[in-house]
Amino acid sequence: QVQLVESGGGLVQAGGSLRLSCAASGSTFSSYTMGWFRQAPGKEREFVAAIGSSGGRTFYTDSVKGRFTISRDNAKNTVYLQMNSLTPEDTAVYYCSGAVCIDCPYDYWGQGTQVTVSS
């Protein structure tokens, strides 16, 4: 079992940056693939980024490539999402998630953190 707690959301102007953090409990964090998803009002939850257990593989949805960076610190049981050049279209609740393998479904979810980008 992994419990996930996100932080770092907030209100930022377009063009600004935020860094989200996700702290995980449990000794098996380093074996999990970790991901970030987001859900905007009236829309379905969508994949944003993922990182393999060792941090060597990363994946991004096209709309955030070149702007967002996912990283992890296994010693701190934490995964990050650095978000730059934010636009109002990035406004959403951002969720941290965990999967037991790179091709496995995401079974563990945080409570979400709100990111609001003003124009």
C-alpha atoms as a PDB file:
ATOM      1  CA  GLN A   1       0.000   0.000   0.000  1.00  0.00           C
ATOM      2  CA  VAL A   2       1.136   3.494  -0.827  1.00  0.00           C
ATOM      3  CA  GLN A   3      -0.434   6.684   0.455  1.00  0.00           C
ATOM      4  CA  LEU A   4       0.124   9.833  -1.573  1.00  0.00           C
ATOM      5  CA  VAL A   5      -0.134  13.474  -0.524  1.00  0.00           C
ATOM      6  CA  GLU A   6       0.228  16.272  -3.062  1.00  0.00           C
ATOM      7  CA  SER A   7       1.280  19.841  -2.365  1.00  0.00           C
ATOM      8  CA  GLY A   8       2.438  22.904  -4.230  1.00  0.00           C
ATOM      9  CA  GLY A   9      -0.684  23.911  -6.098  1.00  0.00           C
ATOM     10  CA  GLY A  10      -1.942  27.465  -6.175  1.00  0.00           C
ATOM     11  CA  LEU A  11      -2.788  30.472  -8.272  1.00  0.00           C
ATOM     12  CA  VAL A  12      -0.275  31.687 -10.833  1.00  0.00           C
ATOM     13  CA  GLN A  13      -0.348  34.069 -13.778  1.00  0.00           C
ATOM     14  CA  ALA A  14       0.006  32.800 -17.319  1.00  0.00           C
ATOM     15  CA  GLY A  15       3.654  32.273 -18.164  1.00  0.00           C
ATOM     16  CA  GLY A  16       4.515  31.486 -14.584  1.00  0.00           C
ATOM     17  CA  SER A  17       5.781  28.332 -12.929  1.00  0.00           C
ATOM     18  CA  LEU A  18       4.796  25.971 -10.143  1.00  0.00           C
ATOM     19  CA  ARG A  19       6.356  22.859  -8.712  1.00  0.00           C
ATOM     20  CA  LEU A  20       4.084  20.152  -7.418  1.00  0.00           C
ATOM     21  CA  SER A  21       5.304  17.609  -4.917  1.00  0.00           C
ATOM     22  CA  CYS A  22       3.881  14.251  -3.975  1.00  0.00           C
ATOM     23  CA  ALA A  23       5.044  12.624  -0.777  1.00  0.00           C
ATOM     24  CA  ALA A  24       4.542   8.888  -0.539  1.00  0.00           C
ATOM     25  CA  SER A  25       4.396   6.662   2.483  1.00  0.00           C
ATOM     26  CA  GLY A  26       5.626   3.105   2.493  1.00  0.00           C
ATOM     27  CA  SER A  27       8.959   1.454   1.939  1.00  0.00           C
ATOM     28  CA  THR A  28       8.188   0.282  -1.575  1.00  0.00           C
ATOM     29  CA  PHE A  29       7.979   3.729  -3.193  1.00  0.00           C
ATOM     30  CA  SER A  30      11.162   3.185  -5.164  1.00  0.00           C
ATOM     31  CA  SER A  31       9.625   0.220  -6.957  1.00  0.00           C
ATOM     32  CA  TYR A  32       6.573   2.117  -8.207  1.00  0.00           C
ATOM     33  CA  THR A  33       5.995   3.893 -11.457  1.00  0.00           C
ATOM     34  CA  MET A  34       4.655   7.322 -10.536  1.00  0.00           C
ATOM     35  CA  GLY A  35       2.395   9.539 -12.565  1.00  0.00           C
ATOM     36  CA  TRP A  36       0.639  12.860 -12.597  1.00  0.00           C
ATOM     37  CA  PHE A  37      -2.884  13.276 -13.917  1.00  0.00           C
ATOM     38  CA  ARG A  38      -5.170  16.285 -14.037  1.00  0.00           C
ATOM     39  CA  GLN A  39      -8.863  16.993 -14.253  1.00  0.00           C
ATOM     40  CA  ALA A  40     -10.242  20.296 -15.442  1.00  0.00           C
ATOM     41  CA  PRO A  41     -13.825  21.366 -14.651  1.00  0.00           C
ATOM     42  CA  GLY A  42     -16.284  19.483 -16.808  1.00  0.00           C
ATOM     43  CA  LYS A  43     -13.600  17.261 -18.303  1.00  0.00           C
ATOM     44  CA  GLU A  44     -12.352  13.757 -17.721  1.00  0.00           C
ATOM     45  CA  ARG A  45      -9.162  13.061 -15.851  1.00  0.00           C
ATOM     46  CA  GLU A  46      -6.208  12.986 -18.226  1.00  0.00           C
ATOM     47  CA  PHE A  47      -2.661  11.706 -18.102  1.00  0.00           C
ATOM     48  CA  VAL A  48       0.035  14.364 -17.765  1.00  0.00           C
ATOM     49  CA  ALA A  49       3.358  12.642 -17.074  1.00  0.00           C
ATOM     50  CA  ALA A  50       4.909   9.482 -15.672  1.00  0.00           C
ATOM     51  CA  ILE A  51       8.289   8.322 -14.460  1.00  0.00           C
ATOM     52  CA  GLY A  52       9.696   4.843 -14.081  1.00  0.00           C
ATOM     53  CA  SER A  53      10.796   3.455 -10.754  1.00  0.00           C
ATOM     54  CA  SER A  54      14.458   4.367 -11.202  1.00  0.00           C
ATOM     55  CA  GLY A  55      13.712   7.696 -12.839  1.00  0.00           C
ATOM     56  CA  GLY A  56      15.350   6.662 -16.089  1.00  0.00           C
ATOM     57  CA  ARG A  57      12.204   6.694 -18.187  1.00  0.00           C
ATOM     58  CA  THR A  58       9.757   9.559 -18.441  1.00  0.00           C
ATOM     59  CA  PHE A  59       6.584  10.070 -20.441  1.00  0.00           C
ATOM     60  CA  TYR A  60       4.543  13.173 -21.187  1.00  0.00           C
ATOM     61  CA  THR A  61       1.331  14.052 -22.886  1.00  0.00           C
ATOM     62  CA  ASP A  62       1.969  16.155 -25.957  1.00  0.00           C
ATOM     63  CA  SER A  63       0.436  19.335 -24.575  1.00  0.00           C
ATOM     64  CA  VAL A  64       3.018  19.597 -21.768  1.00  0.00           C
ATOM     65  CA  LYS A  65       6.168  18.406 -23.543  1.00  0.00           C
ATOM     66  CA  GLY A  66       8.925  20.973 -23.229  1.00  0.00           C
ATOM     67  CA  ARG A  67       7.105  22.796 -20.426  1.00  0.00           C
ATOM     68  CA  PHE A  68       6.662  20.220 -17.656  1.00  0.00           C
ATOM     69  CA  THR A  69       9.300  17.983 -16.086  1.00  0.00           C
ATOM     70  CA  ILE A  70       8.605  14.996 -13.880  1.00  0.00           C
ATOM     71  CA  SER A  71      11.287  13.802 -11.480  1.00  0.00           C
ATOM     72  CA  ARG A  72      11.602  11.738  -8.344  1.00  0.00           C
ATOM     73  CA  ASP A  73      13.790  11.419  -5.298  1.00  0.00           C
ATOM     74  CA  ASN A  74      13.527   7.873  -4.024  1.00  0.00           C
ATOM     75  CA  ALA A  75      15.508   8.715  -0.905  1.00  0.00           C
ATOM     76  CA  LYS A  76      12.773  11.190   0.020  1.00  0.00           C
ATOM     77  CA  ASN A  77       9.844   9.115  -1.272  1.00  0.00           C
ATOM     78  CA  THR A  78       8.789  12.098  -3.340  1.00  0.00           C
ATOM     79  CA  VAL A  79       7.869  12.745  -6.946  1.00  0.00           C
ATOM     80  CA  TYR A  80       7.786  16.217  -8.458  1.00  0.00           C
ATOM     81  CA  LEU A  81       6.185  17.973 -11.374  1.00  0.00           C
ATOM     82  CA  GLN A  82       7.913  21.160 -12.435  1.00  0.00           C
ATOM     83  CA  MET A  83       5.514  23.198 -14.538  1.00  0.00           C
ATOM     84  CA  ASN A  84       6.789  26.131 -16.586  1.00  0.00           C
ATOM     85  CA  SER A  85       5.179  28.464 -19.116  1.00  0.00           C
ATOM     86  CA  LEU A  86       1.774  27.772 -17.642  1.00  0.00           C
ATOM     87  CA  THR A  87      -1.349  28.685 -19.564  1.00  0.00           C
ATOM     88  CA  PRO A  88      -4.991  28.946 -18.479  1.00  0.00           C
ATOM     89  CA  GLU A  89      -5.536  25.587 -20.206  1.00  0.00           C
ATOM     90  CA  ASP A  90      -3.364  23.995 -17.505  1.00  0.00           C
ATOM     91  CA  THR A  91      -5.926  24.925 -14.855  1.00  0.00           C
ATOM     92  CA  ALA A  92      -7.053  21.710 -13.187  1.00  0.00           C
ATOM     93  CA  VAL A  93      -6.856  19.569 -10.106  1.00  0.00           C
ATOM     94  CA  TYR A  94      -3.592  17.659 -10.329  1.00  0.00           C
ATOM     95  CA  TYR A  95      -3.389  14.145  -8.934  1.00  0.00           C
ATOM     96  CA  CYS A  96      -0.372  12.068  -8.049  1.00  0.00           C
ATOM     97  CA  SER A  97      -0.689   8.361  -8.725  1.00  0.00           C
ATOM     98  CA  GLY A  98       1.260   5.146  -8.408  1.00  0.00           C
ATOM     99  CA  ALA A  99       1.408   1.882 -10.298  1.00  0.00           C
ATOM    100  CA  VAL A 100       3.300  -1.271  -9.502  1.00  0.00           C
ATOM    101  CA  CYS A 101       4.825  -1.422 -12.968  1.00  0.00           C
ATOM    102  CA  ILE A 102       5.261   0.753 -16.030  1.00  0.00           C
ATOM    103  CA  ASP A 103       2.416  -0.950 -17.909  1.00  0.00           C
ATOM    104  CA  CYS A 104       0.144  -1.492 -14.928  1.00  0.00           C
ATOM    105  CA  PRO A 105      -2.965   0.474 -14.032  1.00  0.00           C
ATOM    106  CA  TYR A 106      -2.611   3.257 -11.522  1.00  0.00           C
ATOM    107  CA  ASP A 107      -4.044   1.891  -8.310  1.00  0.00           C
ATOM    108  CA  TYR A 108      -2.927   4.528  -5.833  1.00  0.00           C
ATOM    109  CA  TRP A 109      -4.110   8.126  -5.864  1.00  0.00           C
ATOM    110  CA  GLY A 110      -3.606  11.278  -3.866  1.00  0.00           C
ATOM    111  CA  GLN A 111      -6.362  13.706  -2.957  1.00  0.00           C
ATOM    112  CA  GLY A 112      -5.332  16.246  -5.584  1.00  0.00           C
ATOM    113  CA  THR A 113      -4.043  19.791  -5.537  1.00  0.00           C
ATOM    114  CA  GLN A 114      -5.644  22.717  -7.360  1.00  0.00           C
ATOM    115  CA  VAL A 115      -3.653  24.618  -9.968  1.00  0.00           C
ATOM    116  CA  THR A 116      -5.239  27.781 -11.316  1.00  0.00           C
ATOM    117  CA  VAL A 117      -3.595  29.806 -14.071  1.00  0.00           C
ATOM    118  CA  SER A 118      -4.972  33.284 -14.644  1.00  0.00           C
ATOM    119  CA  SER A 119      -4.764  35.050 -17.990  1.00  0.00           C
END
